[in-house]
Amino acid sequence: MKITLVKKILADGSPCKKCGDVLKRLEDGDQMKHITQVLVADERDAESAGMVLAAKFKVDRAPFFIVEEANKEPVIYTVYFKFVKEVLNQKMNEADELKEILEQNPDLDFL
């Protein structure tokens, strides 16, 4: 299995805050060992490796993960907790998972 993490650099040259948060979680959880490569989607360079992949897979948020297995179509994950649960088979804190889903979908709200 090949896992690519794509993180973003904003147009002003600053790192994406959410990308930094996810990288910290990966490092704190000793999960970086599962990541094959980390690529950068630089908003200042449409030809950067990450921007090319984002366009190819029609992904409009970062960070995202591309999971490739032999003889299967690549699977894209834009939610860290879903990636950890489904790919790394690790349990996550449900409250943190719901918070991330809400952050990535501002049109959702609590009932």
PDB file of N, CA and C in Angstrom:
ATOM      1  N   MET A   1       0.840  -1.175   0.000  1.00  0.00           N
ATOM      2  CA  MET A   1       0.000   0.000   0.000  1.00  0.00           C
ATOM      3  C   MET A   1       0.887   1.241   0.000  1.00  0.00           C
ATOM      4  N   LYS A   2       0.520   2.194  -0.826  1.00  0.00           N
ATOM      5  CA  LYS A   2       1.233   3.472  -0.892  1.00  0.00           C
ATOM      6  C   LYS A   2       0.278   4.560  -0.394  1.00  0.00           C
ATOM      7  N   ILE A   3       0.745   5.352   0.560  1.00  0.00           N
ATOM      8  CA  ILE A   3      -0.065   6.434   1.110  1.00  0.00           C
ATOM      9  C   ILE A   3       0.675   7.747   0.890  1.00  0.00           C
ATOM     10  N   THR A   4       0.011   8.653   0.189  1.00  0.00           N
ATOM     11  CA  THR A   4       0.559   9.976  -0.061  1.00  0.00           C
ATOM     12  C   THR A   4      -0.244  10.996   0.732  1.00  0.00           C
ATOM     13  N   LEU A   5       0.449  11.833   1.471  1.00  0.00           N
ATOM     14  CA  LEU A   5      -0.170  12.951   2.187  1.00  0.00           C
ATOM     15  C   LEU A   5       0.133  14.210   1.394  1.00  0.00           C
ATOM     16  N   VAL A   6      -0.900  14.966   1.066  1.00  0.00           N
ATOM     17  CA  VAL A   6      -0.716  16.233   0.364  1.00  0.00           C
ATOM     18  C   VAL A   6      -1.089  17.358   1.321  1.00  0.00           C
ATOM     19  N   LYS A   7      -0.113  18.226   1.583  1.00  0.00           N
ATOM     20  CA  LYS A   7      -0.339  19.384   2.436  1.00  0.00           C
ATOM     21  C   LYS A   7      -0.229  20.643   1.587  1.00  0.00           C
ATOM     22  N   LYS A   8      -0.766  21.745   2.095  1.00  0.00           N
ATOM     23  CA  LYS A   8      -0.856  22.958   1.287  1.00  0.00           C
ATOM     24  C   LYS A   8      -0.018  24.100   1.841  1.00  0.00           C
ATOM     25  N   ILE A   9       0.518  24.879   0.907  1.00  0.00           N
ATOM     26  CA  ILE A   9       1.144  26.164   1.212  1.00  0.00           C
ATOM     27  C   ILE A   9       0.219  27.223   0.612  1.00  0.00           C
ATOM     28  N   LEU A  10      -0.190  28.181   1.425  1.00  0.00           N
ATOM     29  CA  LEU A  10      -1.128  29.208   0.974  1.00  0.00           C
ATOM     30  C   LEU A  10      -0.468  30.201   0.022  1.00  0.00           C
ATOM     31  N   ALA A  11      -1.295  30.956  -0.656  1.00  0.00           N
ATOM     32  CA  ALA A  11      -0.814  31.915  -1.655  1.00  0.00           C
ATOM     33  C   ALA A  11       0.163  32.931  -1.075  1.00  0.00           C
ATOM     34  N   ASP A  12       0.042  33.236   0.215  1.00  0.00           N
ATOM     35  CA  ASP A  12       0.961  34.199   0.840  1.00  0.00           C
ATOM     36  C   ASP A  12       2.254  33.538   1.318  1.00  0.00           C
ATOM     37  N   GLY A  13       2.394  32.222   1.061  1.00  0.00           N
ATOM     38  CA  GLY A  13       3.602  31.502   1.448  1.00  0.00           C
ATOM     39  C   GLY A  13       3.540  30.851   2.821  1.00  0.00           C
ATOM     40  N   SER A  14       2.466  31.088   3.537  1.00  0.00           N
ATOM     41  CA  SER A  14       2.347  30.504   4.873  1.00  0.00           C
ATOM     42  C   SER A  14       1.790  29.080   4.788  1.00  0.00           C
ATOM     43  N   PRO A  15       2.134  28.260   5.790  1.00  0.00           N
ATOM     44  CA  PRO A  15       1.628  26.885   5.778  1.00  0.00           C
ATOM     45  C   PRO A  15       0.141  26.854   6.155  1.00  0.00           C
ATOM     46  N   CYS A  16      -0.560  25.897   5.630  1.00  0.00           N
ATOM     47  CA  CYS A  16      -1.971  25.669   5.945  1.00  0.00           C
ATOM     48  C   CYS A  16      -2.075  25.237   7.410  1.00  0.00           C
ATOM     49  N   LYS A  17      -2.911  25.927   8.195  1.00  0.00           N
ATOM     50  CA  LYS A  17      -3.047  25.620   9.616  1.00  0.00           C
ATOM     51  C   LYS A  17      -3.574  24.199   9.839  1.00  0.00           C
ATOM     52  N   LYS A  18      -4.597  23.825   9.098  1.00  0.00           N
ATOM     53  CA  LYS A  18      -5.181  22.486   9.237  1.00  0.00           C
ATOM     54  C   LYS A  18      -4.147  21.419   8.895  1.00  0.00           C
ATOM     55  N   CYS A  19      -3.321  21.669   7.877  1.00  0.00           N
ATOM     56  CA  CYS A  19      -2.272  20.716   7.501  1.00  0.00           C
ATOM     57  C   CYS A  19      -1.290  20.524   8.650  1.00  0.00           C
ATOM     58  N   GLY A  20      -0.930  21.618   9.295  1.00  0.00           N
ATOM     59  CA  GLY A  20      -0.029  21.545  10.441  1.00  0.00           C
ATOM     60  C   GLY A  20      -0.633  20.750  11.583  1.00  0.00           C
ATOM     61  N   ASP A  21      -1.930  20.962  11.818  1.00  0.00           N
ATOM     62  CA  ASP A  21      -2.626  20.211  12.871  1.00  0.00           C
ATOM     63  C   ASP A  21      -2.611  18.712  12.574  1.00  0.00           C
ATOM     64  N   VAL A  22      -2.895  18.355  11.321  1.00  0.00           N
ATOM     65  CA  VAL A  22      -2.932  16.938  10.947  1.00  0.00           C
ATOM     66  C   VAL A  22      -1.530  16.329  11.025  1.00  0.00           C
ATOM     67  N   LEU A  23      -0.517  17.056  10.572  1.00  0.00           N
ATOM     68  CA  LEU A  23       0.857  16.547  10.678  1.00  0.00           C
ATOM     69  C   LEU A  23       1.236  16.286  12.136  1.00  0.00           C
ATOM     70  N   LYS A  24       0.852  17.193  13.020  1.00  0.00           N
ATOM     71  CA  LYS A  24       1.147  17.021  14.447  1.00  0.00           C
ATOM     72  C   LYS A  24       0.447  15.773  14.991  1.00  0.00           C
ATOM     73  N   ARG A  25      -0.807  15.585  14.603  1.00  0.00           N
ATOM     74  CA  ARG A  25      -1.540  14.395  15.059  1.00  0.00           C
ATOM     75  C   ARG A  25      -0.878  13.113  14.545  1.00  0.00           C
ATOM     76  N   LEU A  26      -0.453  13.141  13.279  1.00  0.00           N
ATOM     77  CA  LEU A  26       0.231  11.975  12.713  1.00  0.00           C
ATOM     78  C   LEU A  26       1.518  11.676  13.468  1.00  0.00           C
ATOM     79  N   GLU A  27       2.277  12.719  13.783  1.00  0.00           N
ATOM     80  CA  GLU A  27       3.533  12.535  14.510  1.00  0.00           C
ATOM     81  C   GLU A  27       3.270  12.093  15.947  1.00  0.00           C
ATOM     82  N   ASP A  28       2.337  12.745  16.629  1.00  0.00           N
ATOM     83  CA  ASP A  28       2.028  12.400  18.017  1.00  0.00           C
ATOM     84  C   ASP A  28       1.491  10.977  18.140  1.00  0.00           C
ATOM     85  N   GLY A  29       0.760  10.530  17.122  1.00  0.00           N
ATOM     86  CA  GLY A  29       0.186   9.188  17.149  1.00  0.00           C
ATOM     87  C   GLY A  29       1.086   8.125  16.543  1.00  0.00           C
ATOM     88  N   ASP A  30       2.336   8.484  16.232  1.00  0.00           N
ATOM     89  CA  ASP A  30       3.293   7.566  15.618  1.00  0.00           C
ATOM     90  C   ASP A  30       2.725   6.952  14.335  1.00  0.00           C
ATOM     91  N   GLN A  31       2.002   7.783  13.556  1.00  0.00           N
ATOM     92  CA  GLN A  31       1.366   7.314  12.332  1.00  0.00           C
ATOM     93  C   GLN A  31       2.139   7.704  11.073  1.00  0.00           C
ATOM     94  N   MET A  32       3.130   8.586  11.190  1.00  0.00           N
ATOM     95  CA  MET A  32       3.898   8.997  10.010  1.00  0.00           C
ATOM     96  C   MET A  32       4.623   7.816   9.367  1.00  0.00           C
ATOM     97  N   LYS A  33       4.888   6.786  10.130  1.00  0.00           N
ATOM     98  CA  LYS A  33       5.580   5.619   9.582  1.00  0.00           C
ATOM     99  C   LYS A  33       4.765   4.928   8.492  1.00  0.00           C
ATOM    100  N   HIS A  34       3.466   5.218   8.436  1.00  0.00           N
ATOM    101  CA  HIS A  34       2.598   4.625   7.424  1.00  0.00           C
ATOM    102  C   HIS A  34       2.521   5.468   6.150  1.00  0.00           C
ATOM    103  N   ILE A  35       3.001   6.705   6.223  1.00  0.00           N
ATOM    104  CA  ILE A  35       2.940   7.628   5.093  1.00  0.00           C
ATOM    105  C   ILE A  35       4.149   7.384   4.188  1.00  0.00           C
ATOM    106  N   THR A  36       3.888   7.073   2.929  1.00  0.00           N
ATOM    107  CA  THR A  36       4.952   6.784   1.972  1.00  0.00           C
ATOM    108  C   THR A  36       5.652   8.055   1.519  1.00  0.00           C
ATOM    109  N   GLN A  37       4.850   9.094   1.232  1.00  0.00           N
ATOM    110  CA  GLN A  37       5.432  10.359   0.790  1.00  0.00           C
ATOM    111  C   GLN A  37       4.522  11.515   1.184  1.00  0.00           C
ATOM    112  N   VAL A  38       5.156  12.673   1.347  1.00  0.00           N
ATOM    113  CA  VAL A  38       4.439  13.914   1.636  1.00  0.00           C
ATOM    114  C   VAL A  38       4.735  14.869   0.490  1.00  0.00           C
ATOM    115  N   LEU A  39       3.677  15.358  -0.144  1.00  0.00           N
ATOM    116  CA  LEU A  39       3.823  16.298  -1.246  1.00  0.00           C
ATOM    117  C   LEU A  39       3.175  17.628  -0.877  1.00  0.00           C
ATOM    118  N   VAL A  40       3.614  18.679  -1.541  1.00  0.00           N
ATOM    119  CA  VAL A  40       3.109  20.018  -1.256  1.00  0.00           C
ATOM    120  C   VAL A  40       2.251  20.514  -2.409  1.00  0.00           C
ATOM    121  N   ALA A  41       1.073  21.036  -2.036  1.00  0.00           N
ATOM    122  CA  ALA A  41       0.209  21.740  -2.989  1.00  0.00           C
ATOM    123  C   ALA A  41       0.441  23.221  -2.710  1.00  0.00           C
ATOM    124  N   ASP A  42       1.265  23.848  -3.529  1.00  0.00           N
ATOM    125  CA  ASP A  42       1.628  25.254  -3.338  1.00  0.00           C
ATOM    126  C   ASP A  42       0.701  26.116  -4.186  1.00  0.00           C
ATOM    127  N   GLU A  43      -0.139  26.903  -3.524  1.00  0.00           N
ATOM    128  CA  GLU A  43      -1.099  27.745  -4.243  1.00  0.00           C
ATOM    129  C   GLU A  43      -0.414  28.722  -5.196  1.00  0.00           C
ATOM    130  N   ARG A  44       0.864  28.987  -4.981  1.00  0.00           N
ATOM    131  CA  ARG A  44       1.605  29.910  -5.846  1.00  0.00           C
ATOM    132  C   ARG A  44       2.131  29.221  -7.098  1.00  0.00           C
ATOM    133  N   ASP A  45       1.996  27.892  -7.161  1.00  0.00           N
ATOM    134  CA  ASP A  45       2.545  27.129  -8.280  1.00  0.00           C
ATOM    135  C   ASP A  45       1.568  26.030  -8.685  1.00  0.00           C
ATOM    136  N   ALA A  46       0.792  26.289  -9.721  1.00  0.00           N
ATOM    137  CA  ALA A  46      -0.211  25.320 -10.186  1.00  0.00           C
ATOM    138  C   ALA A  46       0.414  24.002 -10.628  1.00  0.00           C
ATOM    139  N   GLU A  47       1.724  24.014 -10.896  1.00  0.00           N
ATOM    140  CA  GLU A  47       2.407  22.798 -11.341  1.00  0.00           C
ATOM    141  C   GLU A  47       3.096  22.051 -10.193  1.00  0.00           C
ATOM    142  N   SER A  48       2.929  22.531  -8.955  1.00  0.00           N
ATOM    143  CA  SER A  48       3.521  21.803  -7.828  1.00  0.00           C
ATOM    144  C   SER A  48       2.853  20.432  -7.745  1.00  0.00           C
ATOM    145  N   ALA A  49       3.587  19.459  -7.253  1.00  0.00           N
ATOM    146  CA  ALA A  49       3.111  18.067  -7.246  1.00  0.00           C
ATOM    147  C   ALA A  49       1.740  17.926  -6.591  1.00  0.00           C
ATOM    148  N   GLY A  50       1.547  18.583  -5.476  1.00  0.00           N
ATOM    149  CA  GLY A  50       0.271  18.489  -4.766  1.00  0.00           C
ATOM    150  C   GLY A  50      -0.873  19.134  -5.518  1.00  0.00           C
ATOM    151  N   MET A  51      -0.606  20.273  -6.183  1.00  0.00           N
ATOM    152  CA  MET A  51      -1.653  20.940  -6.962  1.00  0.00           C
ATOM    153  C   MET A  51      -2.059  20.078  -8.157  1.00  0.00           C
ATOM    154  N   VAL A  52      -1.099  19.418  -8.767  1.00  0.00           N
ATOM    155  CA  VAL A  52      -1.393  18.538  -9.895  1.00  0.00           C
ATOM    156  C   VAL A  52      -2.284  17.375  -9.437  1.00  0.00           C
ATOM    157  N   LEU A  53      -1.948  16.778  -8.289  1.00  0.00           N
ATOM    158  CA  LEU A  53      -2.768  15.679  -7.763  1.00  0.00           C
ATOM    159  C   LEU A  53      -4.152  16.161  -7.349  1.00  0.00           C
ATOM    160  N   ALA A  54      -4.228  17.332  -6.741  1.00  0.00           N
ATOM    161  CA  ALA A  54      -5.529  17.879  -6.342  1.00  0.00           C
ATOM    162  C   ALA A  54      -6.425  18.056  -7.566  1.00  0.00           C
ATOM    163  N   ALA A  55      -5.868  18.561  -8.644  1.00  0.00           N
ATOM    164  CA  ALA A  55      -6.643  18.735  -9.874  1.00  0.00           C
ATOM    165  C   ALA A  55      -7.037  17.380 -10.462  1.00  0.00           C
ATOM    166  N   LYS A  56      -6.107  16.461 -10.484  1.00  0.00           N
ATOM    167  CA  LYS A  56      -6.367  15.130 -11.050  1.00  0.00           C
ATOM    168  C   LYS A  56      -7.516  14.430 -10.332  1.00  0.00           C
ATOM    169  N   PHE A  57      -7.515  14.521  -8.996  1.00  0.00           N
ATOM    170  CA  PHE A  57      -8.534  13.827  -8.200  1.00  0.00           C
ATOM    171  C   PHE A  57      -9.697  14.733  -7.798  1.00  0.00           C
ATOM    172  N   LYS A  58      -9.695  15.980  -8.299  1.00  0.00           N
ATOM    173  CA  LYS A  58     -10.763  16.946  -8.032  1.00  0.00           C
ATOM    174  C   LYS A  58     -10.975  17.175  -6.524  1.00  0.00           C
ATOM    175  N   VAL A  59      -9.853  17.375  -5.823  1.00  0.00           N
ATOM    176  CA  VAL A  59      -9.886  17.629  -4.390  1.00  0.00           C
ATOM    177  C   VAL A  59      -9.711  19.120  -4.171  1.00  0.00           C
ATOM    178  N   ASP A  60     -10.577  19.710  -3.338  1.00  0.00           N
ATOM    179  CA  ASP A  60     -10.507  21.154  -3.119  1.00  0.00           C
ATOM    180  C   ASP A  60     -10.205  21.534  -1.680  1.00  0.00           C
ATOM    181  N   ARG A  61      -9.720  20.584  -0.892  1.00  0.00           N
ATOM    182  CA  ARG A  61      -9.341  20.905   0.486  1.00  0.00           C
ATOM    183  C   ARG A  61      -8.077  20.153   0.868  1.00  0.00           C
ATOM    184  N   ALA A  62      -7.385  20.713   1.804  1.00  0.00           N
ATOM    185  CA  ALA A  62      -6.141  20.086   2.254  1.00  0.00           C
ATOM    186  C   ALA A  62      -6.135  20.069   3.771  1.00  0.00           C
ATOM    187  N   PRO A  63      -5.418  19.162   4.338  1.00  0.00           N
ATOM    188  CA  PRO A  63      -4.642  18.114   3.690  1.00  0.00           C
ATOM    189  C   PRO A  63      -5.549  16.995   3.185  1.00  0.00           C
ATOM    190  N   PHE A  64      -4.988  16.175   2.305  1.00  0.00           N
ATOM    191  CA  PHE A  64      -5.716  14.986   1.890  1.00  0.00           C
ATOM    192  C   PHE A  64      -4.735  13.836   1.698  1.00  0.00           C
ATOM    193  N   PHE A  65      -5.284  12.648   1.748  1.00  0.00           N
ATOM    194  CA  PHE A  65      -4.499  11.425   1.634  1.00  0.00           C
ATOM    195  C   PHE A  65      -4.935  10.673   0.387  1.00  0.00           C
ATOM    196  N   ILE A  66      -3.970  10.122  -0.335  1.00  0.00           N
ATOM    197  CA  ILE A  66      -4.244   9.254  -1.479  1.00  0.00           C
ATOM    198  C   ILE A  66      -3.734   7.869  -1.086  1.00  0.00           C
ATOM    199  N   VAL A  67      -4.637   6.909  -1.058  1.00  0.00           N
ATOM    200  CA  VAL A  67      -4.282   5.546  -0.684  1.00  0.00           C
ATOM    201  C   VAL A  67      -4.351   4.688  -1.939  1.00  0.00           C
ATOM    202  N   GLU A  68      -3.206   4.104  -2.291  1.00  0.00           N
ATOM    203  CA  GLU A  68      -3.117   3.288  -3.499  1.00  0.00           C
ATOM    204  C   GLU A  68      -2.741   1.857  -3.136  1.00  0.00           C
ATOM    205  N   GLU A  69      -3.527   0.938  -3.662  1.00  0.00           N
ATOM    206  CA  GLU A  69      -3.245  -0.482  -3.500  1.00  0.00           C
ATOM    207  C   GLU A  69      -3.204  -1.112  -4.884  1.00  0.00           C
ATOM    208  N   ALA A  70      -2.428  -2.154  -5.027  1.00  0.00           N
ATOM    209  CA  ALA A  70      -2.281  -2.829  -6.318  1.00  0.00           C
ATOM    210  C   ALA A  70      -3.637  -3.260  -6.871  1.00  0.00           C
ATOM    211  N   ASN A  71      -3.828  -3.003  -8.150  1.00  0.00           N
ATOM    212  CA  ASN A  71      -5.033  -3.422  -8.877  1.00  0.00           C
ATOM    213  C   ASN A  71      -6.327  -2.802  -8.363  1.00  0.00           C
ATOM    214  N   LYS A  72      -6.233  -1.654  -7.684  1.00  0.00           N
ATOM    215  CA  LYS A  72      -7.417  -0.945  -7.196  1.00  0.00           C
ATOM    216  C   LYS A  72      -7.292   0.527  -7.557  1.00  0.00           C
ATOM    217  N   GLU A  73      -8.426   1.172  -7.683  1.00  0.00           N
ATOM    218  CA  GLU A  73      -8.444   2.612  -7.902  1.00  0.00           C
ATOM    219  C   GLU A  73      -7.966   3.316  -6.632  1.00  0.00           C
ATOM    220  N   PRO A  74      -7.228   4.410  -6.751  1.00  0.00           N
ATOM    221  CA  PRO A  74      -6.818   5.160  -5.555  1.00  0.00           C
ATOM    222  C   PRO A  74      -8.049   5.663  -4.794  1.00  0.00           C
ATOM    223  N   VAL A  75      -7.928   5.693  -3.488  1.00  0.00           N
ATOM    224  CA  VAL A  75      -8.997   6.199  -2.629  1.00  0.00           C
ATOM    225  C   VAL A  75      -8.490   7.478  -1.985  1.00  0.00           C
ATOM    226  N   ILE A  76      -9.326   8.521  -2.015  1.00  0.00           N
ATOM    227  CA  ILE A  76      -8.962   9.830  -1.477  1.00  0.00           C
ATOM    228  C   ILE A  76      -9.669  10.044  -0.148  1.00  0.00           C
ATOM    229  N   TYR A  77      -8.917  10.514   0.836  1.00  0.00           N
ATOM    230  CA  TYR A  77      -9.472  10.857   2.148  1.00  0.00           C
ATOM    231  C   TYR A  77      -9.174  12.318   2.430  1.00  0.00           C
ATOM    232  N   THR A  78     -10.210  13.095   2.712  1.00  0.00           N
ATOM    233  CA  THR A  78     -10.027  14.502   3.077  1.00  0.00           C
ATOM    234  C   THR A  78     -10.290  14.728   4.557  1.00  0.00           C
ATOM    235  N   VAL A  79     -10.701  13.684   5.261  1.00  0.00           N
ATOM    236  CA  VAL A  79     -10.951  13.772   6.700  1.00  0.00           C
ATOM    237  C   VAL A  79      -9.957  12.858   7.404  1.00  0.00           C
ATOM    238  N   TYR A  80      -9.103  13.455   8.210  1.00  0.00           N
ATOM    239  CA  TYR A  80      -8.049  12.718   8.919  1.00  0.00           C
ATOM    240  C   TYR A  80      -8.602  11.535   9.705  1.00  0.00           C
ATOM    241  N   PHE A  81      -9.647  11.763  10.498  1.00  0.00           N
ATOM    242  CA  PHE A  81     -10.153  10.704  11.370  1.00  0.00           C
ATOM    243  C   PHE A  81     -10.708   9.529  10.569  1.00  0.00           C
ATOM    244  N   LYS A  82     -11.338   9.805   9.449  1.00  0.00           N
ATOM    245  CA  LYS A  82     -11.847   8.728   8.596  1.00  0.00           C
ATOM    246  C   LYS A  82     -10.673   7.938   8.026  1.00  0.00           C
ATOM    247  N   PHE A  83      -9.622   8.633   7.612  1.00  0.00           N
ATOM    248  CA  PHE A  83      -8.417   7.979   7.107  1.00  0.00           C
ATOM    249  C   PHE A  83      -7.819   7.055   8.172  1.00  0.00           C
ATOM    250  N   VAL A  84      -7.670   7.564   9.387  1.00  0.00           N
ATOM    251  CA  VAL A  84      -7.065   6.780  10.467  1.00  0.00           C
ATOM    252  C   VAL A  84      -7.912   5.554  10.788  1.00  0.00           C
ATOM    253  N   LYS A  85      -9.202   5.750  10.820  1.00  0.00           N
ATOM    254  CA  LYS A  85     -10.110   4.657  11.163  1.00  0.00           C
ATOM    255  C   LYS A  85     -10.147   3.595  10.060  1.00  0.00           C
ATOM    256  N   GLU A  86     -10.302   4.016   8.801  1.00  0.00           N
ATOM    257  CA  GLU A  86     -10.493   3.068   7.706  1.00  0.00           C
ATOM    258  C   GLU A  86      -9.198   2.497   7.130  1.00  0.00           C
ATOM    259  N   VAL A  87      -8.133   3.281   7.131  1.00  0.00           N
ATOM    260  CA  VAL A  87      -6.890   2.820   6.515  1.00  0.00           C
ATOM    261  C   VAL A  87      -5.918   2.269   7.552  1.00  0.00           C
ATOM    262  N   LEU A  88      -5.730   3.009   8.637  1.00  0.00           N
ATOM    263  CA  LEU A  88      -4.783   2.572   9.659  1.00  0.00           C
ATOM    264  C   LEU A  88      -5.431   1.664  10.695  1.00  0.00           C
ATOM    265  N   ASN A  89      -6.765   1.530  10.621  1.00  0.00           N
ATOM    266  CA  ASN A  89      -7.521   0.661  11.531  1.00  0.00           C
ATOM    267  C   ASN A  89      -7.274   1.000  12.999  1.00  0.00           C
ATOM    268  N   GLN A  90      -7.269   2.295  13.294  1.00  0.00           N
ATOM    269  CA  GLN A  90      -7.072   2.744  14.669  1.00  0.00           C
ATOM    270  C   GLN A  90      -8.318   3.458  15.162  1.00  0.00           C
ATOM    271  N   LYS A  91      -8.618   3.290  16.429  1.00  0.00           N
ATOM    272  CA  LYS A  91      -9.774   3.972  17.024  1.00  0.00           C
ATOM    273  C   LYS A  91      -9.434   5.428  17.277  1.00  0.00           C
ATOM    274  N   MET A  92     -10.430   6.267  17.104  1.00  0.00           N
ATOM    275  CA  MET A  92     -10.252   7.699  17.337  1.00  0.00           C
ATOM    276  C   MET A  92     -11.311   8.180  18.315  1.00  0.00           C
ATOM    277  N   ASN A  93     -11.024   9.312  18.917  1.00  0.00           N
ATOM    278  CA  ASN A  93     -11.966   9.949  19.818  1.00  0.00           C
ATOM    279  C   ASN A  93     -13.137  10.473  18.994  1.00  0.00           C
ATOM    280  N   GLU A  94     -14.354  10.030  19.302  1.00  0.00           N
ATOM    281  CA  GLU A  94     -15.525  10.397  18.499  1.00  0.00           C
ATOM    282  C   GLU A  94     -15.784  11.903  18.506  1.00  0.00           C
ATOM    283  N   ALA A  95     -15.557  12.553  19.626  1.00  0.00           N
ATOM    284  CA  ALA A  95     -15.781  14.004  19.700  1.00  0.00           C
ATOM    285  C   ALA A  95     -14.839  14.746  18.751  1.00  0.00           C
ATOM    286  N   ASP A  96     -13.568  14.325  18.698  1.00  0.00           N
ATOM    287  CA  ASP A  96     -12.608  14.947  17.786  1.00  0.00           C
ATOM    288  C   ASP A  96     -12.997  14.690  16.335  1.00  0.00           C
ATOM    289  N   GLU A  97     -13.474  13.483  16.068  1.00  0.00           N
ATOM    290  CA  GLU A  97     -13.890  13.138  14.710  1.00  0.00           C
ATOM    291  C   GLU A  97     -15.062  14.011  14.264  1.00  0.00           C
ATOM    292  N   LEU A  98     -16.044  14.173  15.117  1.00  0.00           N
ATOM    293  CA  LEU A  98     -17.208  15.002  14.780  1.00  0.00           C
ATOM    294  C   LEU A  98     -16.821  16.466  14.621  1.00  0.00           C
ATOM    295  N   LYS A  99     -15.902  16.937  15.464  1.00  0.00           N
ATOM    296  CA  LYS A  99     -15.439  18.325  15.358  1.00  0.00           C
ATOM    297  C   LYS A  99     -14.793  18.563  13.991  1.00  0.00           C
ATOM    298  N   GLU A 100     -13.963  17.627  13.545  1.00  0.00           N
ATOM    299  CA  GLU A 100     -13.310  17.794  12.240  1.00  0.00           C
ATOM    300  C   GLU A 100     -14.330  17.792  11.109  1.00  0.00           C
ATOM    301  N   ILE A 101     -15.308  16.915  11.186  1.00  0.00           N
ATOM    302  CA  ILE A 101     -16.340  16.871  10.151  1.00  0.00           C
ATOM    303  C   ILE A 101     -17.091  18.197  10.099  1.00  0.00           C
ATOM    304  N   LEU A 102     -17.425  18.758  11.250  1.00  0.00           N
ATOM    305  CA  LEU A 102     -18.115  20.045  11.286  1.00  0.00           C
ATOM    306  C   LEU A 102     -17.236  21.165  10.735  1.00  0.00           C
ATOM    307  N   GLU A 103     -15.948  21.149  11.060  1.00  0.00           N
ATOM    308  CA  GLU A 103     -15.033  22.174  10.558  1.00  0.00           C
ATOM    309  C   GLU A 103     -14.921  22.118   9.036  1.00  0.00           C
ATOM    310  N   GLN A 104     -14.971  20.922   8.475  1.00  0.00           N
ATOM    311  CA  GLN A 104     -14.822  20.775   7.033  1.00  0.00           C
ATOM    312  C   GLN A 104     -16.135  20.973   6.293  1.00  0.00           C
ATOM    313  N   ASN A 105     -17.233  21.021   7.040  1.00  0.00           N
ATOM    314  CA  ASN A 105     -18.545  21.193   6.427  1.00  0.00           C
ATOM    315  C   ASN A 105     -19.317  22.268   7.183  1.00  0.00           C
ATOM    316  N   PRO A 106     -18.982  23.537   6.976  1.00  0.00           N
ATOM    317  CA  PRO A 106     -19.608  24.608   7.761  1.00  0.00           C
ATOM    318  C   PRO A 106     -21.111  24.725   7.564  1.00  0.00           C
ATOM    319  N   ASP A 107     -21.646  24.077   6.523  1.00  0.00           N
ATOM    320  CA  ASP A 107     -23.087  24.112   6.308  1.00  0.00           C
ATOM    321  C   ASP A 107     -23.831  23.189   7.271  1.00  0.00           C
ATOM    322  N   LEU A 108     -23.095  22.291   7.952  1.00  0.00           N
ATOM    323  CA  LEU A 108     -23.697  21.412   8.950  1.00  0.00           C
ATOM    324  C   LEU A 108     -23.780  22.137  10.282  1.00  0.00           C
ATOM    325  N   ASP A 109     -24.689  21.687  11.125  1.00  0.00           N
ATOM    326  CA  ASP A 109     -24.826  22.291  12.441  1.00  0.00           C
ATOM    327  C   ASP A 109     -25.298  21.218  13.410  1.00  0.00           C
ATOM    328  N   PHE A 110     -25.131  21.490  14.693  1.00  0.00           N
ATOM    329  CA  PHE A 110     -25.613  20.564  15.715  1.00  0.00           C
ATOM    330  C   PHE A 110     -27.129  20.572  15.740  1.00  0.00           C
ATOM    331  N   LEU A 111     -27.725  19.448  16.133  1.00  0.00           N
ATOM    332  CA  LEU A 111     -29.174  19.365  16.329  1.00  0.00           C
ATOM    333  C   LEU A 111     -29.522  19.677  17.759  1.00  0.00           C
TER     334      LEU A 111
END
